[in-house]
């Protein structure tokens, strides 16, 4: 090797005849301070000394920070063997799931179908509004069928959480799925007067934007792939869009209350002697309170997930 030392630039070389055969290609690594050359023995056994000559060469000195005598090496080998045995015992206690790959395949396919469905909704609405110049008022009649399909399929998320296929807590999953389906099927699906209102566009558009990041993130997770930009979007996009979606749902409910009051639809009349009618519009007012409580619960859950996935990594103590 050529290097600059105390006497200027020089060519440095040395030869070592090892006690026993070694691998012919050593591994070299250059740092700012030194050159490290790692030579591997052909057979892993204990040598009495390093070189064939009994007297150690003058230019060789042991590194006592890394020095191991035979007893130390045996102890280290024994510890590694014990660690390996313990690891095997722990793994043997965990029952192997014969349906693991089938479950992952199902989850990947489910998330792919949902991603394609919400992508179709998002692209269709974007093209119709910003390119074709269509109005807000026909959103429900052009998008509702696909939204019905996606939100009906979303009921599987509750089942997946219930049987332990995913680690999502059951309560946030139930609140989100049933909250959306209540607005879609009960409010919009049952009232023709609501289907032509502009708020429908904002509800569908905000729902689809969030799912464009959520479903592909989970789909890639099923096959062991993590894409950092997508992870950041999945745990950040909800911050503006989730409250806006909740606000749009609340506006939709407020607009539907007078219609339910006038028509008496879904109102419940109690039999005599009470002779009392429970107006569905009154239940909607109570639901408005539950809606904002649900937003708070889901917001806290998503915030904890964001800290877990995007927060600073804790260093492991040695």
Foldseek 3Di string as FASTA:
>chain_A
DWDQDPVGIDDDDDDAAFCADWDPDWDWDDDPVDIDTHIGRPDPDDDPDTGNDPDDDPPDDDDVVPDDDPVRVVVVVVVVVVVVVVVVVVVVVDDDDPCLLVLLVVLLVLLVVLLVLLVCLQVVLCCVCPPVNHDLQCSCVVNVVSVVVNLVSLVVVLVCCVVVSDVDHNVLSCCVSVLVCCCNCVQQVPDVVLNRDNLVSLLSNLVSVLSNLQSVQSSCVSVPDHDVVSVCCNLPVCPPSVVSNLVSSLVSLVVRLVVQVVVVPPWAADDPPVRDIRGVSVVSVVVNVVSVVSSVVNVVVSVVVCCVPPNDDDDDDD
